[in-house]
Amino acid sequence: LAGSALDYKAVAYFYTNFQNSRNFAGPVLNAVSEESGTGRATVRFSLRATIVTPGISGS
């Protein structure tokens, strides 16, 4: 699961929960960066997760 947010506020809460927990955030967040010079903050993150959708058939 990979995501890109052009609005930093969209993931600010998400990132805040992990930024002070390096032991957890390390293996989960592969890369978090801010791009400057574009007039807006860009946060790119890669999240390894298992998504379980009970009751929904994949076929």
N, C-alpha and C. Protein backbone atom coordinates (compact mmCIF):
# COMPACT_ATOMS: atom_id res chain seq x y z
N LEU A 1 0.86 -1.19 0.00
CA LEU A 1 0.00 0.00 0.00
C LEU A 1 0.89 1.23 0.00
N ALA A 2 0.77 2.01 -1.05
CA ALA A 2 1.59 3.22 -1.15
C ALA A 2 0.68 4.42 -1.31
N GLY A 3 1.09 5.53 -0.78
CA GLY A 3 0.25 6.72 -0.88
C GLY A 3 1.09 7.97 -1.04
N SER A 4 0.49 8.97 -1.64
CA SER A 4 1.15 10.26 -1.78
C SER A 4 0.15 11.35 -1.46
N ALA A 5 0.53 12.26 -0.60
CA ALA A 5 -0.39 13.32 -0.20
C ALA A 5 0.20 14.68 -0.57
N LEU A 6 -0.54 15.45 -1.33
CA LEU A 6 -0.08 16.79 -1.69
C LEU A 6 -0.34 17.76 -0.55
N ASP A 7 -1.33 17.43 0.28
CA ASP A 7 -1.65 18.28 1.41
C ASP A 7 -1.07 17.65 2.67
N TYR A 8 -0.13 18.32 3.28
CA TYR A 8 0.53 17.77 4.46
C TYR A 8 -0.46 17.51 5.58
N LYS A 9 -1.50 18.33 5.66
CA LYS A 9 -2.50 18.18 6.72
C LYS A 9 -3.23 16.85 6.61
N ALA A 10 -3.27 16.29 5.41
CA ALA A 10 -3.99 15.05 5.19
C ALA A 10 -3.33 13.89 5.93
N VAL A 11 -2.03 13.98 6.15
CA VAL A 11 -1.32 12.90 6.81
C VAL A 11 -0.58 13.36 8.06
N ALA A 12 -0.84 14.60 8.46
CA ALA A 12 -0.15 15.15 9.62
C ALA A 12 -0.45 14.34 10.87
N TYR A 13 -1.71 14.00 11.05
CA TYR A 13 -2.10 13.22 12.23
C TYR A 13 -1.49 11.83 12.16
N PHE A 14 -1.50 11.24 10.97
CA PHE A 14 -0.93 9.92 10.76
C PHE A 14 0.56 9.91 11.10
N TYR A 15 1.27 10.90 10.59
CA TYR A 15 2.72 10.96 10.79
C TYR A 15 3.08 11.28 12.24
N THR A 16 2.28 12.15 12.85
CA THR A 16 2.54 12.55 14.24
C THR A 16 2.48 11.36 15.17
N ASN A 17 1.60 10.41 14.87
CA ASN A 17 1.46 9.23 15.72
C ASN A 17 2.70 8.36 15.70
N PHE A 18 3.51 8.47 14.63
CA PHE A 18 4.64 7.56 14.47
C PHE A 18 6.01 8.23 14.58
N GLN A 19 6.06 9.55 14.44
CA GLN A 19 7.36 10.21 14.33
C GLN A 19 8.19 10.07 15.60
N ASN A 20 7.54 9.88 16.74
CA ASN A 20 8.28 9.74 17.99
C ASN A 20 8.42 8.29 18.42
N SER A 21 8.00 7.37 17.57
CA SER A 21 8.09 5.95 17.88
C SER A 21 8.93 5.27 16.81
N ARG A 22 10.22 5.52 16.84
CA ARG A 22 11.09 5.06 15.76
C ARG A 22 11.16 3.54 15.67
N ASN A 23 11.02 2.87 16.79
CA ASN A 23 11.09 1.42 16.77
C ASN A 23 9.95 0.82 15.98
N PHE A 24 8.83 1.54 15.95
CA PHE A 24 7.68 1.06 15.20
C PHE A 24 7.65 1.66 13.81
N ALA A 25 7.96 2.95 13.75
CA ALA A 25 7.86 3.65 12.47
C ALA A 25 8.94 3.21 11.50
N GLY A 26 10.09 2.81 12.01
CA GLY A 26 11.21 2.41 11.15
C GLY A 26 10.83 1.37 10.12
N PRO A 27 10.31 0.21 10.55
CA PRO A 27 9.97 -0.83 9.59
C PRO A 27 8.69 -0.55 8.81
N VAL A 28 7.89 0.39 9.29
CA VAL A 28 6.60 0.65 8.63
C VAL A 28 6.73 1.76 7.60
N LEU A 29 7.30 2.87 8.02
CA LEU A 29 7.44 3.99 7.10
C LEU A 29 8.79 3.90 6.41
N ASN A 30 8.77 3.53 5.14
CA ASN A 30 10.03 3.40 4.40
C ASN A 30 10.65 4.76 4.15
N ALA A 31 9.83 5.73 3.82
CA ALA A 31 10.37 7.05 3.51
C ALA A 31 9.32 8.12 3.76
N VAL A 32 9.70 9.13 4.48
CA VAL A 32 8.84 10.29 4.68
C VAL A 32 9.69 11.52 4.38
N SER A 33 9.25 12.30 3.42
CA SER A 33 10.05 13.45 3.03
C SER A 33 9.15 14.62 2.68
N GLU A 34 9.69 15.80 2.82
CA GLU A 34 8.98 17.01 2.43
C GLU A 34 9.73 17.65 1.27
N GLU A 35 8.99 17.99 0.23
CA GLU A 35 9.60 18.67 -0.90
C GLU A 35 9.32 20.16 -0.78
N SER A 36 10.38 20.95 -0.87
CA SER A 36 10.22 22.39 -0.80
C SER A 36 10.48 22.99 -2.17
N GLY A 37 10.01 24.20 -2.36
CA GLY A 37 10.22 24.86 -3.64
C GLY A 37 9.04 24.70 -4.57
N THR A 38 8.09 23.86 -4.18
CA THR A 38 6.91 23.66 -5.02
C THR A 38 5.74 24.48 -4.48
N GLY A 39 5.97 25.15 -3.36
CA GLY A 39 4.92 25.97 -2.78
C GLY A 39 3.98 25.16 -1.90
N ARG A 40 4.24 23.87 -1.80
CA ARG A 40 3.41 23.04 -0.93
C ARG A 40 4.23 21.85 -0.43
N ALA A 41 3.89 21.38 0.74
CA ALA A 41 4.63 20.26 1.33
C ALA A 41 4.10 18.96 0.76
N THR A 42 5.02 18.09 0.39
CA THR A 42 4.63 16.79 -0.14
C THR A 42 5.20 15.70 0.76
N VAL A 43 4.34 14.82 1.19
CA VAL A 43 4.77 13.71 2.03
C VAL A 43 4.51 12.42 1.30
N ARG A 44 5.56 11.68 1.03
CA ARG A 44 5.40 10.37 0.39
C ARG A 44 5.72 9.30 1.42
N PHE A 45 4.86 8.32 1.49
CA PHE A 45 5.10 7.26 2.44
C PHE A 45 4.72 5.92 1.86
N SER A 46 5.44 4.90 2.26
CA SER A 46 5.14 3.53 1.85
C SER A 46 4.80 2.73 3.09
N LEU A 47 3.64 2.12 3.08
CA LEU A 47 3.17 1.41 4.25
C LEU A 47 2.92 -0.05 3.93
N ARG A 48 3.59 -0.91 4.69
CA ARG A 48 3.35 -2.34 4.52
C ARG A 48 2.25 -2.76 5.47
N ALA A 49 1.18 -3.27 4.91
CA ALA A 49 0.04 -3.61 5.75
C ALA A 49 -0.74 -4.76 5.15
N THR A 50 -1.45 -5.47 6.01
CA THR A 50 -2.35 -6.51 5.55
C THR A 50 -3.78 -6.01 5.72
N ILE A 51 -4.50 -5.95 4.61
CA ILE A 51 -5.86 -5.45 4.65
C ILE A 51 -6.83 -6.63 4.66
N VAL A 52 -7.64 -6.70 5.70
CA VAL A 52 -8.61 -7.78 5.82
C VAL A 52 -10.01 -7.20 5.65
N THR A 53 -10.73 -7.75 4.68
CA THR A 53 -12.08 -7.27 4.43
C THR A 53 -13.05 -8.43 4.61
N PRO A 54 -13.50 -8.67 5.83
CA PRO A 54 -14.40 -9.79 6.10
C PRO A 54 -15.75 -9.60 5.43
N GLY A 55 -16.25 -10.68 4.86
CA GLY A 55 -17.57 -10.62 4.24
C GLY A 55 -17.54 -10.17 2.80
N ILE A 56 -16.35 -9.84 2.30
CA ILE A 56 -16.24 -9.39 0.91
C ILE A 56 -15.45 -10.42 0.12
N SER A 57 -16.06 -10.94 -0.92
CA SER A 57 -15.41 -11.97 -1.73
C SER A 57 -14.53 -11.32 -2.78
N GLY A 58 -13.34 -11.90 -2.99
CA GLY A 58 -12.42 -11.34 -3.97
C GLY A 58 -12.66 -11.88 -5.37
N SER A 59 -13.62 -12.79 -5.49
CA SER A 59 -13.89 -13.38 -6.80
C SER A 59 -15.05 -12.69 -7.48
